Full PDB file with SEQRES, HELIX, SHEET, SSBOND, CRYST1, ORIGX, SCALE, CONECT and MASTER records, all heavy atoms in Angstrom:
SEQRES   1 A   34  ILE ALA TYR ILE SER VAL PRO GLY LYS THR GLY PRO GLU          
SEQRES   2 A   34  ALA TYR ARG PRO ARG PRO LEU MET GLU ASP VAL LEU VAL          
SEQRES   3 A   34  LEU GLY VAL ASP GLN TYR MET GLY                              
HELIX    1 AA1 GLY A   11  ALA A   14  5                                   4    
SHEET    1 AA1 2 ALA A   2  SER A   5  0                                        
SHEET    2 AA1 2 TYR A  15  ARG A  18 -1                                        
CRYST1    1.000    1.000    1.000  90.00  90.00  90.00 P 1           1          
ORIGX1      1.000000  0.000000  0.000000        0.00000                         
ORIGX2      0.000000  1.000000  0.000000        0.00000                         
ORIGX3      0.000000  0.000000  1.000000        0.00000                         
SCALE1      1.000000  0.000000  0.000000        0.00000                         
SCALE2      0.000000  1.000000  0.000000        0.00000                         
SCALE3      0.000000  0.000000  1.000000        0.00000                         
ATOM      1  N   ILE A   1    -169.061  78.741  47.836  1.00  0.00           N  
ATOM      2  CA  ILE A   1    -170.101  79.722  47.544  1.00  0.00           C  
ATOM      3  C   ILE A   1    -170.999  79.833  48.766  1.00  0.00           C  
ATOM      4  O   ILE A   1    -171.409  78.818  49.336  1.00  0.00           O  
ATOM      5  CB  ILE A   1    -170.938  79.312  46.320  1.00  0.00           C  
ATOM      6  CG1 ILE A   1    -170.017  79.057  45.111  1.00  0.00           C  
ATOM      7  CG2 ILE A   1    -171.986  80.360  45.990  1.00  0.00           C  
ATOM      8  CD1 ILE A   1    -170.726  78.411  43.944  1.00  0.00           C  
ATOM      9  N   ALA A   2    -171.304  81.076  49.173  1.00  0.00           N  
ATOM     10  CA  ALA A   2    -172.220  81.308  50.286  1.00  0.00           C  
ATOM     11  C   ALA A   2    -173.601  81.633  49.729  1.00  0.00           C  
ATOM     12  O   ALA A   2    -173.740  82.462  48.806  1.00  0.00           O  
ATOM     13  CB  ALA A   2    -171.714  82.451  51.155  1.00  0.00           C  
ATOM     14  N   TYR A   3    -174.630  80.964  50.278  1.00  0.00           N  
ATOM     15  CA  TYR A   3    -176.012  81.243  49.902  1.00  0.00           C  
ATOM     16  C   TYR A   3    -176.623  82.093  51.015  1.00  0.00           C  
ATOM     17  O   TYR A   3    -176.894  81.604  52.111  1.00  0.00           O  
ATOM     18  CB  TYR A   3    -176.789  79.950  49.705  1.00  0.00           C  
ATOM     19  CG  TYR A   3    -176.324  79.158  48.504  1.00  0.00           C  
ATOM     20  CD1 TYR A   3    -175.455  78.080  48.656  1.00  0.00           C  
ATOM     21  CD2 TYR A   3    -176.730  79.500  47.222  1.00  0.00           C  
ATOM     22  CE1 TYR A   3    -175.013  77.365  47.561  1.00  0.00           C  
ATOM     23  CE2 TYR A   3    -176.291  78.781  46.118  1.00  0.00           C  
ATOM     24  CZ  TYR A   3    -175.437  77.720  46.300  1.00  0.00           C  
ATOM     25  OH  TYR A   3    -174.996  77.021  45.207  1.00  0.00           O  
ATOM     26  N   ILE A   4    -176.838  83.381  50.715  1.00  0.00           N  
ATOM     27  CA  ILE A   4    -177.312  84.345  51.713  1.00  0.00           C  
ATOM     28  C   ILE A   4    -178.814  84.551  51.547  1.00  0.00           C  
ATOM     29  O   ILE A   4    -179.310  84.775  50.431  1.00  0.00           O  
ATOM     30  CB  ILE A   4    -176.569  85.686  51.555  1.00  0.00           C  
ATOM     31  CG1 ILE A   4    -175.057  85.450  51.657  1.00  0.00           C  
ATOM     32  CG2 ILE A   4    -177.027  86.688  52.597  1.00  0.00           C  
ATOM     33  CD1 ILE A   4    -174.235  86.670  51.342  1.00  0.00           C  
ATOM     34  N   SER A   5    -179.539  84.471  52.657  1.00  0.00           N  
ATOM     35  CA  SER A   5    -180.987  84.653  52.631  1.00  0.00           C  
ATOM     36  C   SER A   5    -181.335  86.107  52.349  1.00  0.00           C  
ATOM     37  O   SER A   5    -180.736  87.034  52.923  1.00  0.00           O  
ATOM     38  CB  SER A   5    -181.589  84.214  53.972  1.00  0.00           C  
ATOM     39  OG  SER A   5    -182.975  84.447  53.988  1.00  0.00           O  
ATOM     40  N   VAL A   6    -182.296  86.308  51.451  1.00  0.00           N  
ATOM     41  CA  VAL A   6    -182.764  87.653  51.101  1.00  0.00           C  
ATOM     42  C   VAL A   6    -184.135  87.855  51.732  1.00  0.00           C  
ATOM     43  O   VAL A   6    -185.107  87.183  51.356  1.00  0.00           O  
ATOM     44  CB  VAL A   6    -182.842  87.833  49.573  1.00  0.00           C  
ATOM     45  CG1 VAL A   6    -183.342  89.243  49.236  1.00  0.00           C  
ATOM     46  CG2 VAL A   6    -181.484  87.573  48.937  1.00  0.00           C  
ATOM     47  N   PRO A   7    -184.263  88.760  52.716  1.00  0.00           N  
ATOM     48  CA  PRO A   7    -185.558  88.963  53.380  1.00  0.00           C  
ATOM     49  C   PRO A   7    -186.635  89.407  52.391  1.00  0.00           C  
ATOM     50  O   PRO A   7    -186.385  90.204  51.479  1.00  0.00           O  
ATOM     51  CB  PRO A   7    -185.264  90.046  54.414  1.00  0.00           C  
ATOM     52  CG  PRO A   7    -183.773  89.990  54.618  1.00  0.00           C  
ATOM     53  CD  PRO A   7    -183.213  89.600  53.293  1.00  0.00           C  
ATOM     54  N   GLY A   8    -187.815  88.865  52.567  1.00  0.00           N  
ATOM     55  CA  GLY A   8    -188.950  89.266  51.759  1.00  0.00           C  
ATOM     56  C   GLY A   8    -189.030  88.613  50.401  1.00  0.00           C  
ATOM     57  O   GLY A   8    -189.953  88.911  49.631  1.00  0.00           O  
ATOM     58  N   LYS A   9    -188.104  87.747  50.068  1.00  0.00           N  
ATOM     59  CA  LYS A   9    -188.116  87.098  48.767  1.00  0.00           C  
ATOM     60  C   LYS A   9    -188.480  85.627  48.940  1.00  0.00           C  
ATOM     61  O   LYS A   9    -188.230  85.011  49.980  1.00  0.00           O  
ATOM     62  CB  LYS A   9    -186.747  87.202  48.089  1.00  0.00           C  
ATOM     63  CG  LYS A   9    -186.308  88.632  47.802  1.00  0.00           C  
ATOM     64  CD  LYS A   9    -187.169  89.275  46.720  1.00  0.00           C  
ATOM     65  CE  LYS A   9    -186.666  90.660  46.363  1.00  0.00           C  
ATOM     66  NZ  LYS A   9    -187.464  91.275  45.283  1.00  0.00           N  
ATOM     67  N   THR A  10    -189.069  85.058  47.907  1.00  0.00           N  
ATOM     68  CA  THR A  10    -189.421  83.645  47.918  1.00  0.00           C  
ATOM     69  C   THR A  10    -188.937  82.993  46.643  1.00  0.00           C  
ATOM     70  O   THR A  10    -188.579  83.681  45.674  1.00  0.00           O  
ATOM     71  CB  THR A  10    -190.946  83.470  48.054  1.00  0.00           C  
ATOM     72  OG1 THR A  10    -191.589  84.131  46.943  1.00  0.00           O  
ATOM     73  CG2 THR A  10    -191.459  84.059  49.362  1.00  0.00           C  
ATOM     74  N   GLY A  11    -188.972  81.665  46.640  1.00  0.00           N  
ATOM     75  CA  GLY A  11    -188.573  80.931  45.450  1.00  0.00           C  
ATOM     76  C   GLY A  11    -187.095  81.070  45.184  1.00  0.00           C  
ATOM     77  O   GLY A  11    -186.274  81.234  46.096  1.00  0.00           O  
ATOM     78  N   PRO A  12    -186.714  81.021  43.913  1.00  0.00           N  
ATOM     79  CA  PRO A  12    -185.286  81.109  43.571  1.00  0.00           C  
ATOM     80  C   PRO A  12    -184.637  82.411  44.010  1.00  0.00           C  
ATOM     81  O   PRO A  12    -183.417  82.468  44.166  1.00  0.00           O  
ATOM     82  CB  PRO A  12    -185.286  80.985  42.040  1.00  0.00           C  
ATOM     83  CG  PRO A  12    -186.565  80.308  41.708  1.00  0.00           C  
ATOM     84  CD  PRO A  12    -187.560  80.765  42.733  1.00  0.00           C  
ATOM     85  N   GLU A  13    -185.434  83.481  44.204  1.00  0.00           N  
ATOM     86  CA  GLU A  13    -184.865  84.763  44.600  1.00  0.00           C  
ATOM     87  C   GLU A  13    -184.695  84.893  46.107  1.00  0.00           C  
ATOM     88  O   GLU A  13    -184.255  85.935  46.596  1.00  0.00           O  
ATOM     89  CB  GLU A  13    -185.762  85.888  44.089  1.00  0.00           C  
ATOM     90  CG  GLU A  13    -185.886  85.932  42.573  1.00  0.00           C  
ATOM     91  CD  GLU A  13    -186.797  87.055  42.108  1.00  0.00           C  
ATOM     92  OE1 GLU A  13    -187.418  87.691  42.989  1.00  0.00           O  
ATOM     93  OE2 GLU A  13    -186.874  87.288  40.895  1.00  0.00           O  
ATOM     94  N   ALA A  14    -185.063  83.840  46.864  1.00  0.00           N  
ATOM     95  CA  ALA A  14    -184.969  83.919  48.318  1.00  0.00           C  
ATOM     96  C   ALA A  14    -183.527  83.826  48.808  1.00  0.00           C  
ATOM     97  O   ALA A  14    -183.248  84.174  49.956  1.00  0.00           O  
ATOM     98  CB  ALA A  14    -185.801  82.807  48.957  1.00  0.00           C  
ATOM     99  N   TYR A  15    -182.616  83.389  47.952  1.00  0.00           N  
ATOM    100  CA  TYR A  15    -181.207  83.262  48.324  1.00  0.00           C  
ATOM    101  C   TYR A  15    -180.324  83.898  47.262  1.00  0.00           C  
ATOM    102  O   TYR A  15    -180.577  83.765  46.059  1.00  0.00           O  
ATOM    103  CB  TYR A  15    -180.822  81.792  48.512  1.00  0.00           C  
ATOM    104  CG  TYR A  15    -181.562  81.129  49.650  1.00  0.00           C  
ATOM    105  CD1 TYR A  15    -182.765  80.469  49.431  1.00  0.00           C  
ATOM    106  CD2 TYR A  15    -181.059  81.181  50.936  1.00  0.00           C  
ATOM    107  CE1 TYR A  15    -183.450  79.871  50.466  1.00  0.00           C  
ATOM    108  CE2 TYR A  15    -181.731  80.591  51.987  1.00  0.00           C  
ATOM    109  CZ  TYR A  15    -182.929  79.932  51.748  1.00  0.00           C  
ATOM    110  OH  TYR A  15    -183.602  79.357  52.782  1.00  0.00           O  
ATOM    111  N   ARG A  16    -179.318  84.583  47.742  1.00  0.00           N  
ATOM    112  CA  ARG A  16    -178.389  85.257  46.836  1.00  0.00           C  
ATOM    113  C   ARG A  16    -177.019  84.581  46.967  1.00  0.00           C  
ATOM    114  O   ARG A  16    -176.409  84.604  48.039  1.00  0.00           O  
ATOM    115  CB  ARG A  16    -178.292  86.734  47.192  1.00  0.00           C  
ATOM    116  CG  ARG A  16    -177.253  87.509  46.367  1.00  0.00           C  
ATOM    117  CD  ARG A  16    -177.365  88.995  46.638  1.00  0.00           C  
ATOM    118  NE  ARG A  16    -177.266  89.287  48.055  1.00  0.00           N  
ATOM    119  CZ  ARG A  16    -176.106  89.469  48.689  1.00  0.00           C  
ATOM    120  NH1 ARG A  16    -174.959  89.384  48.023  1.00  0.00           N  
ATOM    121  NH2 ARG A  16    -176.090  89.748  49.983  1.00  0.00           N  
ATOM    122  N   PRO A  17    -176.502  83.972  45.890  1.00  0.00           N  
ATOM    123  CA  PRO A  17    -175.182  83.329  45.977  1.00  0.00           C  
ATOM    124  C   PRO A  17    -174.061  84.365  45.985  1.00  0.00           C  
ATOM    125  O   PRO A  17    -174.117  85.362  45.264  1.00  0.00           O  
ATOM    126  CB  PRO A  17    -175.137  82.452  44.723  1.00  0.00           C  
ATOM    127  CG  PRO A  17    -176.047  83.134  43.760  1.00  0.00           C  
ATOM    128  CD  PRO A  17    -177.124  83.789  44.567  1.00  0.00           C  
ATOM    129  N   ARG A  18    -173.064  84.141  46.808  1.00  0.00           N  
ATOM    130  CA  ARG A  18    -171.899  85.033  46.858  1.00  0.00           C  
ATOM    131  C   ARG A  18    -170.629  84.188  46.818  1.00  0.00           C  
ATOM    132  O   ARG A  18    -170.377  83.390  47.728  1.00  0.00           O  
ATOM    133  CB  ARG A  18    -171.911  85.875  48.135  1.00  0.00           C  
ATOM    134  CG  ARG A  18    -170.689  86.825  48.250  1.00  0.00           C  
ATOM    135  CD  ARG A  18    -170.875  87.772  49.406  1.00  0.00           C  
ATOM    136  NE  ARG A  18    -170.762  87.107  50.683  1.00  0.00           N  
ATOM    137  CZ  ARG A  18    -169.607  86.944  51.348  1.00  0.00           C  
ATOM    138  NH1 ARG A  18    -168.469  87.402  50.831  1.00  0.00           N  
ATOM    139  NH2 ARG A  18    -169.577  86.337  52.530  1.00  0.00           N  
ATOM    140  N   PRO A  19    -169.826  84.299  45.759  1.00  0.00           N  
ATOM    141  CA  PRO A  19    -168.577  83.532  45.691  1.00  0.00           C  
ATOM    142  C   PRO A  19    -167.648  83.913  46.843  1.00  0.00           C  
ATOM    143  O   PRO A  19    -167.461  85.087  47.152  1.00  0.00           O  
ATOM    144  CB  PRO A  19    -167.982  83.930  44.334  1.00  0.00           C  
ATOM    145  CG  PRO A  19    -169.136  84.467  43.555  1.00  0.00           C  
ATOM    146  CD  PRO A  19    -170.050  85.107  44.544  1.00  0.00           C  
ATOM    147  N   LEU A  20    -167.080  82.914  47.468  1.00  0.00           N  
ATOM    148  CA  LEU A  20    -166.162  83.148  48.585  1.00  0.00           C  
ATOM    149  C   LEU A  20    -164.714  82.891  48.195  1.00  0.00           C  
ATOM    150  O   LEU A  20    -163.853  83.756  48.336  1.00  0.00           O  
ATOM    151  CB  LEU A  20    -166.542  82.247  49.770  1.00  0.00           C  
ATOM    152  CG  LEU A  20    -167.858  82.562  50.473  1.00  0.00           C  
ATOM    153  CD1 LEU A  20    -168.111  81.546  51.576  1.00  0.00           C  
ATOM    154  CD2 LEU A  20    -167.841  83.965  51.051  1.00  0.00           C  
ATOM    155  N   MET A  21    -164.427  81.681  47.728  1.00  0.00           N  
ATOM    156  CA  MET A  21    -163.054  81.322  47.390  1.00  0.00           C  
ATOM    157  C   MET A  21    -163.052  80.349  46.225  1.00  0.00           C  
ATOM    158  O   MET A  21    -164.029  79.628  46.007  1.00  0.00           O  
ATOM    159  CB  MET A  21    -162.339  80.676  48.591  1.00  0.00           C  
ATOM    160  CG  MET A  21    -161.985  81.629  49.702  1.00  0.00           C  
ATOM    161  SD  MET A  21    -160.755  80.863  50.793  1.00  0.00           S  
ATOM    162  CE  MET A  21    -159.385  80.673  49.647  1.00  0.00           C  
ATOM    163  N   GLU A  22    -161.949  80.336  45.498  1.00  0.00           N  
ATOM    164  CA  GLU A  22    -161.770  79.414  44.385  1.00  0.00           C  
ATOM    165  C   GLU A  22    -160.593  78.476  44.656  1.00  0.00           C  
ATOM    166  O   GLU A  22    -159.656  78.830  45.372  1.00  0.00           O  
ATOM    167  CB  GLU A  22    -161.516  80.175  43.074  1.00  0.00           C  
ATOM    168  CG  GLU A  22    -162.665  81.056  42.623  1.00  0.00           C  
ATOM    169  CD  GLU A  22    -162.345  81.778  41.326  1.00  0.00           C  
ATOM    170  OE1 GLU A  22    -161.148  81.780  40.937  1.00  0.00           O  
ATOM    171  OE2 GLU A  22    -163.267  82.326  40.704  1.00  0.00           O  
ATOM    172  N   ASP A  23    -160.671  77.284  44.059  1.00  0.00           N  
ATOM    173  CA  ASP A  23    -159.567  76.322  44.081  1.00  0.00           C  
ATOM    174  C   ASP A  23    -159.113  76.012  45.504  1.00  0.00           C  
ATOM    175  O   ASP A  23    -157.964  76.237  45.879  1.00  0.00           O  
ATOM    176  CB  ASP A  23    -158.401  76.854  43.249  1.00  0.00           C  
ATOM    177  CG  ASP A  23    -157.329  75.793  43.041  1.00  0.00           C  
ATOM    178  OD1 ASP A  23    -157.661  74.605  43.132  1.00  0.00           O  
ATOM    179  OD2 ASP A  23    -156.163  76.160  42.811  1.00  0.00           O  
ATOM    180  N   VAL A  24    -160.012  75.468  46.311  1.00  0.00           N  
ATOM    181  CA  VAL A  24    -159.709  75.118  47.697  1.00  0.00           C  
ATOM    182  C   VAL A  24    -159.483  73.613  47.777  1.00  0.00           C  
ATOM    183  O   VAL A  24    -160.268  72.820  47.261  1.00  0.00           O  
ATOM    184  CB  VAL A  24    -160.857  75.538  48.628  1.00  0.00           C  
ATOM    185  CG1 VAL A  24    -160.547  75.138  50.067  1.00  0.00           C  
ATOM    186  CG2 VAL A  24    -161.080  77.044  48.539  1.00  0.00           C  
ATOM    187  N   LEU A  25    -158.400  73.216  48.453  1.00  0.00           N  
ATOM    188  CA  LEU A  25    -158.058  71.801  48.585  1.00  0.00           C  
ATOM    189  C   LEU A  25    -158.902  71.157  49.680  1.00  0.00           C  
ATOM    190  O   LEU A  25    -159.002  71.677  50.798  1.00  0.00           O  
ATOM    191  CB  LEU A  25    -156.573  71.647  48.921  1.00  0.00           C  
ATOM    192  CG  LEU A  25    -156.082  70.228  49.247  1.00  0.00           C  
ATOM    193  CD1 LEU A  25    -156.223  69.312  48.040  1.00  0.00           C  
ATOM    194  CD2 LEU A  25    -154.633  70.266  49.727  1.00  0.00           C  
ATOM    195  N   VAL A  26    -159.495  70.008  49.366  1.00  0.00           N  
ATOM    196  CA  VAL A  26    -160.268  69.225  50.340  1.00  0.00           C  
ATOM    197  C   VAL A  26    -159.321  68.250  51.035  1.00  0.00           C  
ATOM    198  O   VAL A  26    -158.698  67.399  50.383  1.00  0.00           O  
ATOM    199  CB  VAL A  26    -161.422  68.465  49.651  1.00  0.00           C  
ATOM    200  CG1 VAL A  26    -162.178  67.619  50.669  1.00  0.00           C  
ATOM    201  CG2 VAL A  26    -162.363  69.436  48.957  1.00  0.00           C  
ATOM    202  N   LEU A  27    -159.217  68.355  52.364  1.00  0.00           N  
ATOM    203  CA  LEU A  27    -158.347  67.471  53.138  1.00  0.00           C  
ATOM    204  C   LEU A  27    -159.063  66.220  53.617  1.00  0.00           C  
ATOM    205  O   LEU A  27    -158.465  65.145  53.671  1.00  0.00           O  
ATOM    206  CB  LEU A  27    -157.778  68.221  54.350  1.00  0.00           C  
ATOM    207  CG  LEU A  27    -156.814  69.366  54.073  1.00  0.00           C  
ATOM    208  CD1 LEU A  27    -156.435  70.046  55.374  1.00  0.00           C  
ATOM    209  CD2 LEU A  27    -155.574  68.881  53.347  1.00  0.00           C  
ATOM    210  N   GLY A  28    -160.325  66.364  53.983  1.00  0.00           N  
ATOM    211  CA  GLY A  28    -161.038  65.218  54.522  1.00  0.00           C  
ATOM    212  C   GLY A  28    -162.532  65.378  54.400  1.00  0.00           C  
ATOM    213  O   GLY A  28    -163.047  66.484  54.234  1.00  0.00           O  
ATOM    214  N   VAL A  29    -163.218  64.241  54.440  1.00  0.00           N  
ATOM    215  CA  VAL A  29    -164.673  64.198  54.415  1.00  0.00           C  
ATOM    216  C   VAL A  29    -165.115  63.450  55.650  1.00  0.00           C  
ATOM    217  O   VAL A  29    -164.785  62.261  55.812  1.00  0.00           O  
ATOM    218  CB  VAL A  29    -165.193  63.519  53.133  1.00  0.00           C  
ATOM    219  CG1 VAL A  29    -166.696  63.378  53.183  1.00  0.00           C  
ATOM    220  CG2 VAL A  29    -164.768  64.308  51.908  1.00  0.00           C  
ATOM    221  N   ASP A  30    -165.862  64.136  56.537  1.00  0.00           N  
ATOM    222  CA  ASP A  30    -166.146  63.601  57.859  1.00  0.00           C  
ATOM    223  C   ASP A  30    -164.808  63.243  58.508  1.00  0.00           C  
ATOM    224  O   ASP A  30    -163.960  64.106  58.655  1.00  0.00           O  
ATOM    225  CB  ASP A  30    -167.097  62.411  57.773  1.00  0.00           C  
ATOM    226  CG  ASP A  30    -168.558  62.883  57.733  1.00  0.00           C  
ATOM    227  OD1 ASP A  30    -168.789  64.086  57.916  1.00  0.00           O  
ATOM    228  OD2 ASP A  30    -169.454  62.077  57.502  1.00  0.00           O  
ATOM    229  N   GLN A  31    -164.581  61.975  58.870  1.00  0.00           N  
ATOM    230  CA  GLN A  31    -163.309  61.573  59.471  1.00  0.00           C  
ATOM    231  C   GLN A  31    -162.485  60.710  58.519  1.00  0.00           C  
ATOM    232  O   GLN A  31    -161.621  59.955  58.956  1.00  0.00           O  
ATOM    233  CB  GLN A  31    -163.560  60.808  60.776  1.00  0.00           C  
ATOM    234  CG  GLN A  31    -164.173  61.672  61.857  1.00  0.00           C  
ATOM    235  CD  GLN A  31    -164.380  60.925  63.152  1.00  0.00           C  
ATOM    236  OE1 GLN A  31    -164.393  59.705  63.187  1.00  0.00           O  
ATOM    237  NE2 GLN A  31    -164.548  61.656  64.234  1.00  0.00           N  
ATOM    238  N   TYR A  32    -162.743  60.843  57.246  1.00  0.00           N  
ATOM    239  CA  TYR A  32    -162.030  60.048  56.242  1.00  0.00           C  
ATOM    240  C   TYR A  32    -161.071  60.945  55.482  1.00  0.00           C  
ATOM    241  O   TYR A  32    -161.459  62.014  55.003  1.00  0.00           O  
ATOM    242  CB  TYR A  32    -163.022  59.390  55.288  1.00  0.00           C  
ATOM    243  CG  TYR A  32    -162.367  58.505  54.265  1.00  0.00           C  
ATOM    244  CD1 TYR A  32    -161.846  57.267  54.622  1.00  0.00           C  
ATOM    245  CD2 TYR A  32    -162.264  58.905  52.944  1.00  0.00           C  
ATOM    246  CE1 TYR A  32    -161.231  56.455  53.693  1.00  0.00           C  
ATOM    247  CE2 TYR A  32    -161.650  58.105  52.007  1.00  0.00           C  
ATOM    248  CZ  TYR A  32    -161.137  56.882  52.383  1.00  0.00           C  
ATOM    249  OH  TYR A  32    -160.530  56.084  51.458  1.00  0.00           O  
ATOM    250  N   MET A  33    -159.780  60.500  55.373  1.00  0.00           N  
ATOM    251  CA  MET A  33    -158.761  61.307  54.707  1.00  0.00           C  
ATOM    252  C   MET A  33    -158.166  60.630  53.482  1.00  0.00           C  
ATOM    253  O   MET A  33    -157.380  61.233  52.772  1.00  0.00           O  
ATOM    254  CB  MET A  33    -157.627  61.627  55.686  1.00  0.00           C  
ATOM    255  CG  MET A  33    -158.046  62.442  56.879  1.00  0.00           C  
ATOM    256  SD  MET A  33    -156.676  62.700  58.025  1.00  0.00           S  
ATOM    257  CE  MET A  33    -156.445  61.044  58.680  1.00  0.00           C  
ATOM    258  N   GLY A  34    -158.518  59.358  53.225  1.00  0.00           N  
ATOM    259  CA  GLY A  34    -157.913  58.632  52.114  1.00  0.00           C  
ATOM    260  C   GLY A  34    -158.442  59.087  50.773  1.00  0.00           C  
ATOM    261  O   GLY A  34    -159.524  59.673  50.656  1.00  0.00           O  
TER     262      GLY A  34                                                      
MASTER        0    0    0    1    2    0    0    6  261    1    0    3          
END                                                                             
């Protein structure tokens, strides 16, 4: 999910969520793959 900044808005309305992709496989976290 992308959180896009909305100019002129504050509080919870300052960012607009936009779905990007679903069901994405995580390969690694930092340099850890186990």
